[in-house]
Amino acid sequence: MPIYEYRCSECGKVFEELVFGDRDKKFPCPACAAASTEKIPSVIGGISMGGTMSPACGSTSCASASACAASGGGCCPHAQ
């Protein structure tokens, strides 16, 4: 069961949904309840086979150590 990211066309909120079965299903915005949402590509980070960090890894995209902990840490510099 994949998790997809969606963006609301009305308020701009980005949210995630765990999708059971129908991958083309539309989800209403949890912030404003608008039905006009669109699936957006997700960014995947990880370590390459060569042992060097991919562009997503080691970035400072997370704001704090608590944000890293909430997301599972992964290769975030705050998780070190």
N, C-alpha and C. Protein backbone atom coordinates (compact mmCIF):
# COMPACT_ATOMS: atom_id res chain seq x y z
N MET A 1 0.84 -1.18 0.00
CA MET A 1 0.00 0.00 0.00
C MET A 1 0.89 1.24 0.00
N PRO A 2 0.94 1.93 -1.10
CA PRO A 2 1.80 3.11 -1.20
C PRO A 2 1.19 4.34 -0.53
N ILE A 3 2.07 5.23 -0.14
CA ILE A 3 1.66 6.53 0.39
C ILE A 3 1.93 7.55 -0.71
N TYR A 4 0.90 8.33 -1.05
CA TYR A 4 1.04 9.35 -2.07
C TYR A 4 0.88 10.73 -1.44
N GLU A 5 1.57 11.71 -2.04
CA GLU A 5 1.42 13.10 -1.61
C GLU A 5 0.45 13.80 -2.56
N TYR A 6 -0.37 14.66 -1.98
CA TYR A 6 -1.35 15.44 -2.74
C TYR A 6 -1.21 16.91 -2.38
N ARG A 7 -1.58 17.78 -3.31
CA ARG A 7 -1.60 19.23 -3.06
C ARG A 7 -2.99 19.74 -3.37
N CYS A 8 -3.52 20.58 -2.49
CA CYS A 8 -4.83 21.17 -2.68
C CYS A 8 -4.70 22.34 -3.65
N SER A 9 -5.56 22.36 -4.66
CA SER A 9 -5.55 23.46 -5.64
C SER A 9 -6.15 24.73 -5.07
N GLU A 10 -6.93 24.61 -4.00
CA GLU A 10 -7.59 25.77 -3.40
C GLU A 10 -6.68 26.49 -2.38
N CYS A 11 -6.17 25.74 -1.38
CA CYS A 11 -5.40 26.39 -0.31
C CYS A 11 -3.90 26.10 -0.37
N GLY A 12 -3.47 25.14 -1.21
CA GLY A 12 -2.06 24.84 -1.37
C GLY A 12 -1.49 23.85 -0.37
N LYS A 13 -2.30 23.35 0.55
CA LYS A 13 -1.81 22.40 1.56
C LYS A 13 -1.34 21.11 0.88
N VAL A 14 -0.20 20.60 1.34
CA VAL A 14 0.33 19.32 0.87
C VAL A 14 0.07 18.31 1.98
N PHE A 15 -0.48 17.14 1.59
CA PHE A 15 -0.79 16.11 2.58
C PHE A 15 -0.53 14.74 1.98
N GLU A 16 -0.43 13.73 2.84
CA GLU A 16 -0.18 12.36 2.42
C GLU A 16 -1.40 11.50 2.66
N GLU A 17 -1.57 10.49 1.81
CA GLU A 17 -2.66 9.53 1.97
C GLU A 17 -2.12 8.13 1.68
N LEU A 18 -2.50 7.18 2.53
CA LEU A 18 -2.20 5.78 2.30
C LEU A 18 -3.29 5.24 1.37
N VAL A 19 -2.90 4.74 0.20
CA VAL A 19 -3.87 4.38 -0.84
C VAL A 19 -4.08 2.87 -0.85
N PHE A 20 -5.33 2.47 -0.67
CA PHE A 20 -5.73 1.07 -0.75
C PHE A 20 -6.38 0.85 -2.11
N GLY A 21 -5.77 0.07 -2.99
CA GLY A 21 -6.40 -0.29 -4.26
C GLY A 21 -6.32 0.77 -5.34
N ASP A 22 -7.33 1.61 -5.46
CA ASP A 22 -7.46 2.57 -6.56
C ASP A 22 -6.47 3.72 -6.42
N ARG A 23 -5.42 3.69 -7.22
CA ARG A 23 -4.36 4.71 -7.14
C ARG A 23 -4.77 6.03 -7.75
N ASP A 24 -5.85 6.05 -8.50
CA ASP A 24 -6.32 7.28 -9.13
C ASP A 24 -7.41 7.97 -8.32
N LYS A 25 -7.69 7.46 -7.14
CA LYS A 25 -8.74 8.02 -6.29
C LYS A 25 -8.37 9.44 -5.87
N LYS A 26 -9.35 10.33 -5.84
CA LYS A 26 -9.15 11.70 -5.39
C LYS A 26 -9.48 11.77 -3.90
N PHE A 27 -8.69 12.55 -3.15
CA PHE A 27 -8.91 12.73 -1.73
C PHE A 27 -9.22 14.20 -1.46
N PRO A 28 -10.18 14.50 -0.62
CA PRO A 28 -10.46 15.90 -0.28
C PRO A 28 -9.35 16.47 0.61
N CYS A 29 -9.16 17.76 0.53
CA CYS A 29 -8.15 18.43 1.34
C CYS A 29 -8.53 18.37 2.82
N PRO A 30 -7.61 17.95 3.70
CA PRO A 30 -7.92 17.89 5.13
C PRO A 30 -8.01 19.27 5.78
N ALA A 31 -7.48 20.29 5.12
CA ALA A 31 -7.49 21.64 5.70
C ALA A 31 -8.76 22.41 5.34
N CYS A 32 -9.15 22.36 4.05
CA CYS A 32 -10.29 23.18 3.62
C CYS A 32 -11.43 22.36 3.02
N ALA A 33 -11.27 21.04 2.93
CA ALA A 33 -12.27 20.11 2.41
C ALA A 33 -12.55 20.27 0.92
N ALA A 34 -11.71 21.00 0.20
CA ALA A 34 -11.89 21.15 -1.24
C ALA A 34 -11.64 19.81 -1.93
N ALA A 35 -12.38 19.55 -2.99
CA ALA A 35 -12.22 18.31 -3.73
C ALA A 35 -11.15 18.41 -4.81
N SER A 36 -10.66 19.60 -5.07
CA SER A 36 -9.69 19.81 -6.15
C SER A 36 -8.27 19.62 -5.64
N THR A 37 -7.86 18.36 -5.54
CA THR A 37 -6.49 18.02 -5.13
C THR A 37 -5.81 17.29 -6.27
N GLU A 38 -4.48 17.35 -6.28
CA GLU A 38 -3.72 16.66 -7.32
C GLU A 38 -2.58 15.87 -6.69
N LYS A 39 -2.30 14.70 -7.26
CA LYS A 39 -1.19 13.87 -6.79
C LYS A 39 0.11 14.53 -7.25
N ILE A 40 1.09 14.62 -6.36
CA ILE A 40 2.37 15.22 -6.72
C ILE A 40 3.48 14.18 -6.54
N PRO A 41 4.57 14.30 -7.29
CA PRO A 41 5.67 13.35 -7.15
C PRO A 41 6.32 13.46 -5.78
N SER A 42 6.66 12.33 -5.20
CA SER A 42 7.35 12.30 -3.91
C SER A 42 8.85 12.24 -4.14
N VAL A 43 9.61 12.78 -3.22
CA VAL A 43 11.06 12.74 -3.28
C VAL A 43 11.53 11.58 -2.41
N ILE A 44 12.41 10.78 -2.97
CA ILE A 44 12.95 9.65 -2.23
C ILE A 44 14.44 9.88 -2.04
N GLY A 45 14.91 9.76 -0.81
CA GLY A 45 16.34 9.93 -0.53
C GLY A 45 16.93 8.62 -0.07
N GLY A 46 18.23 8.50 -0.22
CA GLY A 46 18.88 7.28 0.24
C GLY A 46 20.36 7.31 -0.08
N ILE A 47 21.04 6.26 0.29
CA ILE A 47 22.47 6.12 0.04
C ILE A 47 22.66 5.36 -1.27
N SER A 48 23.52 5.86 -2.14
CA SER A 48 23.77 5.17 -3.40
C SER A 48 24.65 3.96 -3.16
N MET A 49 24.76 3.10 -4.15
CA MET A 49 25.57 1.88 -4.03
C MET A 49 27.05 2.20 -3.83
N GLY A 50 27.50 3.37 -4.28
CA GLY A 50 28.90 3.73 -4.13
C GLY A 50 29.24 4.23 -2.74
N GLY A 51 28.25 4.37 -1.88
CA GLY A 51 28.51 4.81 -0.51
C GLY A 51 28.49 6.32 -0.35
N THR A 52 28.26 7.05 -1.43
CA THR A 52 28.18 8.49 -1.30
C THR A 52 26.73 8.89 -1.13
N MET A 53 26.50 10.07 -0.61
CA MET A 53 25.14 10.51 -0.38
C MET A 53 24.50 11.01 -1.65
N SER A 54 23.22 10.68 -1.82
CA SER A 54 22.47 11.22 -2.93
C SER A 54 22.15 12.68 -2.64
N PRO A 55 21.68 13.47 -3.61
CA PRO A 55 21.37 14.88 -3.36
C PRO A 55 20.37 15.09 -2.22
N ALA A 56 19.42 14.17 -2.05
CA ALA A 56 18.44 14.34 -0.97
C ALA A 56 19.06 14.08 0.39
N CYS A 57 20.05 13.19 0.44
CA CYS A 57 20.69 12.87 1.71
C CYS A 57 21.70 13.95 2.08
N GLY A 58 21.75 14.24 3.35
CA GLY A 58 22.71 15.21 3.82
C GLY A 58 22.28 16.64 3.56
N SER A 59 21.11 16.82 2.99
CA SER A 59 20.64 18.17 2.76
C SER A 59 20.13 18.75 4.06
N THR A 60 19.91 20.02 4.09
CA THR A 60 19.39 20.66 5.30
C THR A 60 17.92 20.97 5.12
N SER A 61 17.19 20.08 4.41
CA SER A 61 15.79 20.33 4.14
C SER A 61 14.92 20.23 5.38
N CYS A 62 15.36 19.48 6.40
CA CYS A 62 14.57 19.41 7.62
C CYS A 62 15.04 20.52 8.55
N ALA A 63 14.12 21.08 9.28
CA ALA A 63 14.41 22.27 10.07
C ALA A 63 15.05 21.98 11.41
N SER A 64 14.82 20.80 11.97
CA SER A 64 15.32 20.54 13.31
C SER A 64 15.51 19.06 13.56
N ALA A 65 16.17 18.75 14.66
CA ALA A 65 16.38 17.35 15.04
C ALA A 65 15.04 16.69 15.35
N SER A 66 14.08 17.41 15.91
CA SER A 66 12.78 16.81 16.21
C SER A 66 12.03 16.46 14.94
N ALA A 67 12.19 17.26 13.88
CA ALA A 67 11.56 16.95 12.60
C ALA A 67 12.16 15.68 12.02
N CYS A 68 13.47 15.50 12.17
CA CYS A 68 14.13 14.29 11.69
C CYS A 68 13.64 13.08 12.46
N ALA A 69 13.55 13.20 13.76
CA ALA A 69 13.10 12.09 14.59
C ALA A 69 11.69 11.68 14.23
N ALA A 70 10.84 12.66 13.94
CA ALA A 70 9.45 12.37 13.59
C ALA A 70 9.37 11.64 12.26
N SER A 71 10.31 11.90 11.37
CA SER A 71 10.27 11.26 10.05
C SER A 71 11.07 9.97 10.02
N GLY A 72 11.64 9.57 11.13
CA GLY A 72 12.39 8.32 11.18
C GLY A 72 13.88 8.51 11.02
N GLY A 73 14.35 9.74 10.89
CA GLY A 73 15.77 10.00 10.84
C GLY A 73 16.36 9.78 9.46
N GLY A 74 16.50 8.53 9.07
CA GLY A 74 17.10 8.21 7.79
C GLY A 74 18.51 8.73 7.70
N CYS A 75 18.84 9.45 6.63
CA CYS A 75 20.19 9.95 6.44
C CYS A 75 20.26 11.45 6.73
N CYS A 76 19.33 11.97 7.48
CA CYS A 76 19.31 13.38 7.82
C CYS A 76 20.50 13.75 8.69
N PRO A 77 21.13 14.91 8.45
CA PRO A 77 22.28 15.29 9.27
C PRO A 77 21.93 15.48 10.74
N HIS A 78 20.67 15.76 11.05
CA HIS A 78 20.29 15.91 12.45
C HIS A 78 20.20 14.58 13.17
N ALA A 79 20.08 13.49 12.41
CA ALA A 79 19.92 12.16 13.01
C ALA A 79 21.24 11.58 13.48
N GLN A 80 22.33 12.22 13.13
CA GLN A 80 23.67 11.70 13.47
C GLN A 80 23.91 11.79 14.96
